[in-house]
Amino acid sequence: MRRRAGVGAIQKQRLEQEKYREKGSEIQENQFQQMSKQLEVFRDNLEEFATKHKSEIKKNAQFRRQFQEMCAAIGVDPLASGKGFWSVLGIGDFYYELGVQIVEVCLATNYKNGGLITLEELRTRLIAARGKAKKHQEITNEDLLAAVKKLRIFGNGFTVVPIGKGKWLVQSVPGELNLDQTLVLQKASSLGTAWVSTSILTQDLSWNDTRAENALNHMVKEGLAWVDNQDPKETLYWFPSMFAECVSAS
């Protein structure tokens, strides 16, 4: 017959388990302290690097993107820091200025596109408005996305809508697009036609007529789409935010 463990053996086992737990906690604490020290050193080096290359960061778009990636790796957001070292660096000022210019372009084109503009058209218009002087830093799509992100503090009036293959639309009117409306825009973008029809949505997205018509009619009501009854077969729905002509329109 197998003998049961005695009280002394059980207590000894518990003491050993407690020692293992304490040792494990001690090791974790040491590792955490070491990581914290390494992170602090990295932040100091990052500040030194930013000070040394301040001008290059502000002028060179690729350099600026790589610098932001380094910041993100250690949880530093220089755009969100209004005081201290990062405010002295002045990187945030570039994006705040860019944000104001984005608002101006969006307001100026709302009557044409209903509050939706492609990121490429927005960038083209901003470059034209800012001029080509050296004092105006080169701007990239990444810069625009970062600036629009900061505009979200004003509510849901400014947001970014992905439409596939690295393409984006900037929405500058209150109210979020629902999933069906986003899918409609993505379909129009993927076709490269700037328009869709009920039959395209029912065939390509496997929707029924009611679902397709509801999505399209709502977008027409909001000024995001225009109705074209000239096609003898069916009604076409055009999206002015995707018109190639809008890029060069005055």
C-alpha atoms as a PDB file:
ATOM      1  CA  MET A   1       0.000   0.000   0.000  1.00  0.00           C
ATOM      2  CA  ARG A   2       1.343   3.423  -1.035  1.00  0.00           C
ATOM      3  CA  ARG A   3       2.150   5.724   1.888  1.00  0.00           C
ATOM      4  CA  ARG A   4       0.810   9.268   1.903  1.00  0.00           C
ATOM      5  CA  ALA A   5       3.186  12.189   2.194  1.00  0.00           C
ATOM      6  CA  GLY A   6       3.590  13.402   5.751  1.00  0.00           C
ATOM      7  CA  VAL A   7       2.874  16.912   7.041  1.00  0.00           C
ATOM      8  CA  GLY A   8       6.579  17.720   7.102  1.00  0.00           C
ATOM      9  CA  ALA A   9       7.027  16.731   3.458  1.00  0.00           C
ATOM     10  CA  ILE A  10       4.048  18.842   2.396  1.00  0.00           C
ATOM     11  CA  GLN A  11       5.372  21.881   4.262  1.00  0.00           C
ATOM     12  CA  LYS A  12       8.808  21.379   2.723  1.00  0.00           C
ATOM     13  CA  GLN A  13       7.265  21.232  -0.746  1.00  0.00           C
ATOM     14  CA  ARG A  14       5.303  24.438  -0.104  1.00  0.00           C
ATOM     15  CA  LEU A  15       8.441  26.226   1.106  1.00  0.00           C
ATOM     16  CA  GLU A  16      10.306  25.190  -2.036  1.00  0.00           C
ATOM     17  CA  GLN A  17       7.451  26.423  -4.241  1.00  0.00           C
ATOM     18  CA  GLU A  18       7.409  29.734  -2.388  1.00  0.00           C
ATOM     19  CA  LYS A  19      11.164  30.118  -2.900  1.00  0.00           C
ATOM     20  CA  TYR A  20      10.752  29.447  -6.622  1.00  0.00           C
ATOM     21  CA  ARG A  21       8.023  32.092  -6.841  1.00  0.00           C
ATOM     22  CA  GLU A  22      10.147  34.630  -4.974  1.00  0.00           C
ATOM     23  CA  LYS A  23      13.141  33.894  -7.189  1.00  0.00           C
ATOM     24  CA  GLY A  24      10.982  34.203 -10.296  1.00  0.00           C
ATOM     25  CA  SER A  25       9.620  37.564  -9.130  1.00  0.00           C
ATOM     26  CA  GLU A  26      13.151  38.742  -8.369  1.00  0.00           C
ATOM     27  CA  ILE A  27      14.347  37.781 -11.854  1.00  0.00           C
ATOM     28  CA  GLN A  28      11.371  39.532 -13.470  1.00  0.00           C
ATOM     29  CA  GLU A  29      11.998  42.675 -11.420  1.00  0.00           C
ATOM     30  CA  ASN A  30      15.677  42.710 -12.415  1.00  0.00           C
ATOM     31  CA  GLN A  31      14.782  42.251 -16.078  1.00  0.00           C
ATOM     32  CA  PHE A  32      12.225  45.056 -15.874  1.00  0.00           C
ATOM     33  CA  GLN A  33      14.758  47.412 -14.285  1.00  0.00           C
ATOM     34  CA  GLN A  34      17.345  46.580 -16.937  1.00  0.00           C
ATOM     35  CA  MET A  35      14.829  47.178 -19.732  1.00  0.00           C
ATOM     36  CA  SER A  36      13.766  50.475 -18.144  1.00  0.00           C
ATOM     37  CA  LYS A  37      17.392  51.621 -17.975  1.00  0.00           C
ATOM     38  CA  GLN A  38      18.000  50.605 -21.584  1.00  0.00           C
ATOM     39  CA  LEU A  39      14.850  52.424 -22.674  1.00  0.00           C
ATOM     40  CA  GLU A  40      15.920  55.565 -20.820  1.00  0.00           C
ATOM     41  CA  VAL A  41      19.349  55.444 -22.464  1.00  0.00           C
ATOM     42  CA  PHE A  42      17.714  54.982 -25.860  1.00  0.00           C
ATOM     43  CA  ARG A  43      15.433  57.968 -25.252  1.00  0.00           C
ATOM     44  CA  ASP A  44      18.404  60.121 -24.279  1.00  0.00           C
ATOM     45  CA  ASN A  45      20.219  59.051 -27.437  1.00  0.00           C
ATOM     46  CA  LEU A  46      17.085  59.738 -29.470  1.00  0.00           C
ATOM     47  CA  GLU A  47      16.850  63.269 -28.070  1.00  0.00           C
ATOM     48  CA  GLU A  48      20.522  63.852 -28.834  1.00  0.00           C
ATOM     49  CA  PHE A  49      20.009  62.512 -32.364  1.00  0.00           C
ATOM     50  CA  ALA A  50      16.925  64.714 -32.868  1.00  0.00           C
ATOM     51  CA  THR A  51      18.780  67.816 -31.693  1.00  0.00           C
ATOM     52  CA  LYS A  52      21.704  67.128 -34.000  1.00  0.00           C
ATOM     53  CA  HIS A  53      19.517  66.420 -37.046  1.00  0.00           C
ATOM     54  CA  LYS A  54      16.627  68.800 -36.312  1.00  0.00           C
ATOM     55  CA  SER A  55      16.876  70.617 -39.630  1.00  0.00           C
ATOM     56  CA  GLU A  56      17.169  67.399 -41.641  1.00  0.00           C
ATOM     57  CA  ILE A  57      14.141  65.870 -39.899  1.00  0.00           C
ATOM     58  CA  LYS A  58      11.963  68.853 -40.782  1.00  0.00           C
ATOM     59  CA  LYS A  59      13.134  69.166 -44.397  1.00  0.00           C
ATOM     60  CA  ASN A  60      13.650  65.572 -45.545  1.00  0.00           C
ATOM     61  CA  ALA A  61      10.413  63.558 -45.756  1.00  0.00           C
ATOM     62  CA  GLN A  62      12.100  60.142 -45.786  1.00  0.00           C
ATOM     63  CA  PHE A  63      14.354  61.083 -42.886  1.00  0.00           C
ATOM     64  CA  ARG A  64      11.305  62.342 -40.976  1.00  0.00           C
ATOM     65  CA  ARG A  65       9.427  59.075 -41.549  1.00  0.00           C
ATOM     66  CA  GLN A  66      12.372  56.998 -40.308  1.00  0.00           C
ATOM     67  CA  PHE A  67      12.687  59.225 -37.247  1.00  0.00           C
ATOM     68  CA  GLN A  68       8.996  58.723 -36.439  1.00  0.00           C
ATOM     69  CA  GLU A  69       9.456  54.964 -36.729  1.00  0.00           C
ATOM     70  CA  MET A  70      12.276  55.135 -34.170  1.00  0.00           C
ATOM     71  CA  CYS A  71      10.047  57.169 -31.856  1.00  0.00           C
ATOM     72  CA  ALA A  72       7.174  54.722 -32.222  1.00  0.00           C
ATOM     73  CA  ALA A  73       9.473  51.811 -31.368  1.00  0.00           C
ATOM     74  CA  ILE A  74       9.964  53.173 -27.843  1.00  0.00           C
ATOM     75  CA  GLY A  75       6.530  54.703 -27.361  1.00  0.00           C
ATOM     76  CA  VAL A  76       7.497  58.352 -27.894  1.00  0.00           C
ATOM     77  CA  ASP A  77       5.080  60.632 -29.753  1.00  0.00           C
ATOM     78  CA  PRO A  78       6.821  63.965 -30.444  1.00  0.00           C
ATOM     79  CA  LEU A  79       3.613  65.334 -31.981  1.00  0.00           C
ATOM     80  CA  ALA A  80       1.658  64.849 -28.755  1.00  0.00           C
ATOM     81  CA  SER A  81       4.224  66.562 -26.543  1.00  0.00           C
ATOM     82  CA  GLY A  82       3.383  70.214 -26.109  1.00  0.00           C
ATOM     83  CA  LYS A  83       6.025  70.881 -23.472  1.00  0.00           C
ATOM     84  CA  GLY A  84       9.620  70.035 -22.774  1.00  0.00           C
ATOM     85  CA  PHE A  85      12.240  68.836 -25.222  1.00  0.00           C
ATOM     86  CA  TRP A  86       9.941  67.731 -28.051  1.00  0.00           C
ATOM     87  CA  SER A  87       8.155  71.098 -28.196  1.00  0.00           C
ATOM     88  CA  VAL A  88      11.540  72.821 -28.521  1.00  0.00           C
ATOM     89  CA  LEU A  89      12.366  70.507 -31.418  1.00  0.00           C
ATOM     90  CA  GLY A  90       9.406  71.986 -33.302  1.00  0.00           C
ATOM     91  CA  ILE A  91       8.386  68.872 -35.244  1.00  0.00           C
ATOM     92  CA  GLY A  92       4.825  69.195 -33.999  1.00  0.00           C
ATOM     93  CA  ASP A  93       4.577  72.708 -35.467  1.00  0.00           C
ATOM     94  CA  PHE A  94       5.112  71.276 -38.953  1.00  0.00           C
ATOM     95  CA  TYR A  95       2.142  68.936 -38.560  1.00  0.00           C
ATOM     96  CA  TYR A  96      -0.099  71.533 -36.927  1.00  0.00           C
ATOM     97  CA  GLU A  97       0.572  73.903 -39.825  1.00  0.00           C
ATOM     98  CA  LEU A  98      -0.069  71.072 -42.279  1.00  0.00           C
ATOM     99  CA  GLY A  99      -3.312  70.241 -40.457  1.00  0.00           C
ATOM    100  CA  VAL A 100      -4.585  73.806 -40.892  1.00  0.00           C
ATOM    101  CA  GLN A 101      -3.786  73.676 -44.605  1.00  0.00           C
ATOM    102  CA  ILE A 102      -5.584  70.320 -44.924  1.00  0.00           C
ATOM    103  CA  VAL A 103      -8.699  71.854 -43.375  1.00  0.00           C
ATOM    104  CA  GLU A 104      -8.528  74.769 -45.821  1.00  0.00           C
ATOM    105  CA  VAL A 105      -8.266  72.475 -48.862  1.00  0.00           C
ATOM    106  CA  CYS A 106     -11.076  70.215 -47.648  1.00  0.00           C
ATOM    107  CA  LEU A 107     -13.409  73.156 -47.012  1.00  0.00           C
ATOM    108  CA  ALA A 108     -12.605  74.628 -50.430  1.00  0.00           C
ATOM    109  CA  THR A 109     -13.468  71.378 -52.241  1.00  0.00           C
ATOM    110  CA  ASN A 110     -16.453  70.213 -50.175  1.00  0.00           C
ATOM    111  CA  TYR A 111     -18.968  71.600 -52.660  1.00  0.00           C
ATOM    112  CA  LYS A 112     -17.425  69.440 -55.401  1.00  0.00           C
ATOM    113  CA  ASN A 113     -16.774  66.149 -53.666  1.00  0.00           C
ATOM    114  CA  GLY A 114     -19.215  66.105 -50.758  1.00  0.00           C
ATOM    115  CA  GLY A 115     -16.428  65.992 -48.185  1.00  0.00           C
ATOM    116  CA  LEU A 116     -14.375  63.109 -49.600  1.00  0.00           C
ATOM    117  CA  ILE A 117     -11.013  63.676 -51.244  1.00  0.00           C
ATOM    118  CA  THR A 118      -8.310  61.212 -52.219  1.00  0.00           C
ATOM    119  CA  LEU A 119      -5.025  61.484 -50.369  1.00  0.00           C
ATOM    120  CA  GLU A 120      -3.203  61.969 -53.674  1.00  0.00           C
ATOM    121  CA  GLU A 121      -5.418  64.865 -54.728  1.00  0.00           C
ATOM    122  CA  LEU A 122      -5.073  66.420 -51.288  1.00  0.00           C
ATOM    123  CA  ARG A 123      -1.281  66.180 -51.512  1.00  0.00           C
ATOM    124  CA  THR A 124      -1.275  67.655 -55.039  1.00  0.00           C
ATOM    125  CA  ARG A 125      -3.396  70.616 -53.957  1.00  0.00           C
ATOM    126  CA  LEU A 126      -1.291  71.203 -50.843  1.00  0.00           C
ATOM    127  CA  ILE A 127       1.962  71.204 -52.799  1.00  0.00           C
ATOM    128  CA  ALA A 128       0.465  73.729 -55.228  1.00  0.00           C
ATOM    129  CA  ALA A 129      -0.762  75.915 -52.365  1.00  0.00           C
ATOM    130  CA  ARG A 130       2.473  75.751 -50.359  1.00  0.00           C
ATOM    131  CA  GLY A 131       4.716  76.585 -53.287  1.00  0.00           C
ATOM    132  CA  LYS A 132       8.022  75.042 -54.284  1.00  0.00           C
ATOM    133  CA  ALA A 133      10.295  77.277 -52.228  1.00  0.00           C
ATOM    134  CA  LYS A 134      12.941  75.513 -50.130  1.00  0.00           C
ATOM    135  CA  LYS A 135      11.393  76.894 -46.950  1.00  0.00           C
ATOM    136  CA  HIS A 136       8.386  74.634 -47.556  1.00  0.00           C
ATOM    137  CA  GLN A 137       9.262  71.112 -46.493  1.00  0.00           C
ATOM    138  CA  GLU A 138       8.487  68.213 -48.786  1.00  0.00           C
ATOM    139  CA  ILE A 139       5.293  66.468 -47.725  1.00  0.00           C
ATOM    140  CA  THR A 140       4.440  62.796 -48.148  1.00  0.00           C
ATOM    141  CA  ASN A 141       1.306  60.705 -47.762  1.00  0.00           C
ATOM    142  CA  GLU A 142       2.638  59.585 -44.376  1.00  0.00           C
ATOM    143  CA  ASP A 143       2.834  63.237 -43.298  1.00  0.00           C
ATOM    144  CA  LEU A 144      -0.767  63.785 -44.378  1.00  0.00           C
ATOM    145  CA  LEU A 145      -1.998  60.716 -42.501  1.00  0.00           C
ATOM    146  CA  ALA A 146      -0.199  61.876 -39.348  1.00  0.00           C
ATOM    147  CA  ALA A 147      -1.663  65.383 -39.647  1.00  0.00           C
ATOM    148  CA  VAL A 148      -5.217  64.111 -40.251  1.00  0.00           C
ATOM    149  CA  LYS A 149      -4.850  61.871 -37.206  1.00  0.00           C
ATOM    150  CA  LYS A 150      -4.223  64.980 -35.098  1.00  0.00           C
ATOM    151  CA  LEU A 151      -7.376  66.598 -36.505  1.00  0.00           C
ATOM    152  CA  ARG A 152      -9.489  63.905 -34.843  1.00  0.00           C
ATOM    153  CA  ILE A 153      -9.441  65.958 -31.651  1.00  0.00           C
ATOM    154  CA  PHE A 154     -12.147  68.069 -33.323  1.00  0.00           C
ATOM    155  CA  GLY A 155     -14.485  65.064 -33.438  1.00  0.00           C
ATOM    156  CA  ASN A 156     -15.391  62.710 -36.266  1.00  0.00           C
ATOM    157  CA  GLY A 157     -15.374  65.485 -38.869  1.00  0.00           C
ATOM    158  CA  PHE A 158     -11.941  64.411 -40.111  1.00  0.00           C
ATOM    159  CA  THR A 159     -11.043  60.795 -40.652  1.00  0.00           C
ATOM    160  CA  VAL A 160      -9.258  58.541 -43.134  1.00  0.00           C
ATOM    161  CA  VAL A 161     -11.062  55.865 -45.158  1.00  0.00           C
ATOM    162  CA  PRO A 162      -8.936  53.048 -46.652  1.00  0.00           C
ATOM    163  CA  ILE A 163     -10.069  52.076 -50.147  1.00  0.00           C
ATOM    164  CA  GLY A 164      -7.509  49.372 -50.895  1.00  0.00           C
ATOM    165  CA  LYS A 165      -4.039  48.983 -52.431  1.00  0.00           C
ATOM    166  CA  GLY A 166      -2.486  51.723 -50.316  1.00  0.00           C
ATOM    167  CA  LYS A 167      -5.131  54.257 -51.357  1.00  0.00           C
ATOM    168  CA  TRP A 168      -6.986  56.502 -48.930  1.00  0.00           C
ATOM    169  CA  LEU A 169      -9.831  58.978 -48.845  1.00  0.00           C
ATOM    170  CA  VAL A 170      -9.921  61.841 -46.360  1.00  0.00           C
ATOM    171  CA  GLN A 171     -13.416  62.503 -45.046  1.00  0.00           C
ATOM    172  CA  SER A 172     -13.979  66.054 -43.838  1.00  0.00           C
ATOM    173  CA  VAL A 173     -17.672  66.036 -42.932  1.00  0.00           C
ATOM    174  CA  PRO A 174     -19.288  64.853 -39.674  1.00  0.00           C
ATOM    175  CA  GLY A 175     -20.576  61.298 -39.552  1.00  0.00           C
ATOM    176  CA  GLU A 176     -18.759  58.038 -40.104  1.00  0.00           C
ATOM    177  CA  LEU A 177     -19.210  55.903 -43.196  1.00  0.00           C
ATOM    178  CA  ASN A 178     -20.730  52.525 -42.445  1.00  0.00           C
ATOM    179  CA  LEU A 179     -19.268  49.267 -43.732  1.00  0.00           C
ATOM    180  CA  ASP A 180     -21.469  49.101 -46.842  1.00  0.00           C
ATOM    181  CA  GLN A 181     -20.592  52.642 -47.898  1.00  0.00           C
ATOM    182  CA  THR A 182     -16.893  51.928 -47.409  1.00  0.00           C
ATOM    183  CA  LEU A 183     -17.200  48.775 -49.527  1.00  0.00           C
ATOM    184  CA  VAL A 184     -18.884  50.798 -52.281  1.00  0.00           C
ATOM    185  CA  LEU A 185     -15.969  53.253 -52.335  1.00  0.00           C
ATOM    186  CA  GLN A 186     -13.455  50.422 -52.339  1.00  0.00           C
ATOM    187  CA  LYS A 187     -15.228  48.805 -55.282  1.00  0.00           C
ATOM    188  CA  ALA A 188     -15.256  52.055 -57.277  1.00  0.00           C
ATOM    189  CA  SER A 189     -11.549  52.519 -56.538  1.00  0.00           C
ATOM    190  CA  SER A 190     -10.640  48.960 -57.534  1.00  0.00           C
ATOM    191  CA  LEU A 191     -12.516  49.321 -60.836  1.00  0.00           C
ATOM    192  CA  GLY A 192     -10.708  52.566 -61.597  1.00  0.00           C
ATOM    193  CA  THR A 193     -13.888  54.022 -63.078  1.00  0.00           C
ATOM    194  CA  ALA A 194     -14.980  56.409 -60.287  1.00  0.00           C
ATOM    195  CA  TRP A 195     -18.495  54.982 -60.641  1.00  0.00           C
ATOM    196  CA  VAL A 196     -20.508  51.897 -59.754  1.00  0.00           C
ATOM    197  CA  SER A 197     -24.005  50.616 -60.410  1.00  0.00           C
ATOM    198  CA  THR A 198     -26.489  48.454 -58.579  1.00  0.00           C
ATOM    199  CA  SER A 199     -25.706  45.503 -60.852  1.00  0.00           C
ATOM    200  CA  ILE A 200     -21.961  45.772 -60.138  1.00  0.00           C
ATOM    201  CA  LEU A 201     -22.560  45.711 -56.397  1.00  0.00           C
ATOM    202  CA  THR A 202     -24.973  42.791 -56.566  1.00  0.00           C
ATOM    203  CA  GLN A 203     -22.652  40.765 -58.803  1.00  0.00           C
ATOM    204  CA  ASP A 204     -19.262  41.571 -57.273  1.00  0.00           C
ATOM    205  CA  LEU A 205     -20.277  41.893 -53.614  1.00  0.00           C
ATOM    206  CA  SER A 206     -23.105  39.332 -53.651  1.00  0.00           C
ATOM    207  CA  TRP A 207     -25.590  41.901 -52.341  1.00  0.00           C
ATOM    208  CA  ASN A 208     -29.291  41.976 -53.079  1.00  0.00           C
ATOM    209  CA  ASP A 209     -30.821  44.965 -54.876  1.00  0.00           C
ATOM    210  CA  THR A 210     -32.233  46.501 -51.693  1.00  0.00           C
ATOM    211  CA  ARG A 211     -28.881  46.546 -49.901  1.00  0.00           C
ATOM    212  CA  ALA A 212     -27.093  48.068 -52.890  1.00  0.00           C
ATOM    213  CA  GLU A 213     -29.766  50.718 -53.451  1.00  0.00           C
ATOM    214  CA  ASN A 214     -29.860  51.695 -49.769  1.00  0.00           C
ATOM    215  CA  ALA A 215     -26.094  52.237 -49.672  1.00  0.00           C
ATOM    216  CA  LEU A 216     -26.043  54.227 -52.920  1.00  0.00           C
ATOM    217  CA  ASN A 217     -29.101  56.343 -52.122  1.00  0.00           C
ATOM    218  CA  HIS A 218     -27.659  57.328 -48.747  1.00  0.00           C
ATOM    219  CA  MET A 219     -24.385  58.384 -50.380  1.00  0.00           C
ATOM    220  CA  VAL A 220     -26.300  60.452 -52.923  1.00  0.00           C
ATOM    221  CA  LYS A 221     -28.264  62.088 -50.109  1.00  0.00           C
ATOM    222  CA  GLU A 222     -25.025  62.984 -48.302  1.00  0.00           C
ATOM    223  CA  GLY A 223     -23.519  64.479 -51.461  1.00  0.00           C
ATOM    224  CA  LEU A 224     -20.857  61.778 -51.760  1.00  0.00           C
ATOM    225  CA  ALA A 225     -22.184  60.417 -55.057  1.00  0.00           C
ATOM    226  CA  TRP A 226     -23.821  61.858 -58.169  1.00  0.00           C
ATOM    227  CA  VAL A 227     -26.589  60.166 -60.148  1.00  0.00           C
ATOM    228  CA  ASP A 228     -26.105  59.604 -63.885  1.00  0.00           C
ATOM    229  CA  ASN A 229     -29.255  58.583 -65.792  1.00  0.00           C
ATOM    230  CA  GLN A 230     -27.730  58.860 -69.261  1.00  0.00           C
ATOM    231  CA  ASP A 231     -26.813  55.189 -69.538  1.00  0.00           C
ATOM    232  CA  PRO A 232     -29.724  53.412 -71.306  1.00  0.00           C
ATOM    233  CA  LYS A 233     -29.203  50.187 -69.345  1.00  0.00           C
ATOM    234  CA  GLU A 234     -29.066  51.352 -65.724  1.00  0.00           C
ATOM    235  CA  THR A 235     -28.342  54.245 -63.387  1.00  0.00           C
ATOM    236  CA  LEU A 236     -24.682  54.952 -62.687  1.00  0.00           C
ATOM    237  CA  TYR A 237     -23.401  56.474 -59.452  1.00  0.00           C
ATOM    238  CA  TRP A 238     -20.300  58.644 -59.780  1.00  0.00           C
ATOM    239  CA  PHE A 239     -17.969  59.660 -56.952  1.00  0.00           C
ATOM    240  CA  PRO A 240     -16.507  63.133 -57.558  1.00  0.00           C
ATOM    241  CA  SER A 241     -13.787  62.486 -54.988  1.00  0.00           C
ATOM    242  CA  MET A 242     -12.297  60.044 -57.503  1.00  0.00           C
ATOM    243  CA  PHE A 243     -12.588  62.206 -60.615  1.00  0.00           C
ATOM    244  CA  ALA A 244      -9.206  62.618 -62.270  1.00  0.00           C
ATOM    245  CA  GLU A 245     -10.403  66.064 -63.381  1.00  0.00           C
ATOM    246  CA  CYS A 246     -10.788  67.194 -59.774  1.00  0.00           C
ATOM    247  CA  VAL A 247      -7.012  67.134 -59.322  1.00  0.00           C
ATOM    248  CA  SER A 248      -6.441  69.838 -61.917  1.00  0.00           C
ATOM    249  CA  ALA A 249      -9.690  71.755 -61.366  1.00  0.00           C
ATOM    250  CA  SER A 250      -9.301  75.245 -60.006  1.00  0.00           C
END
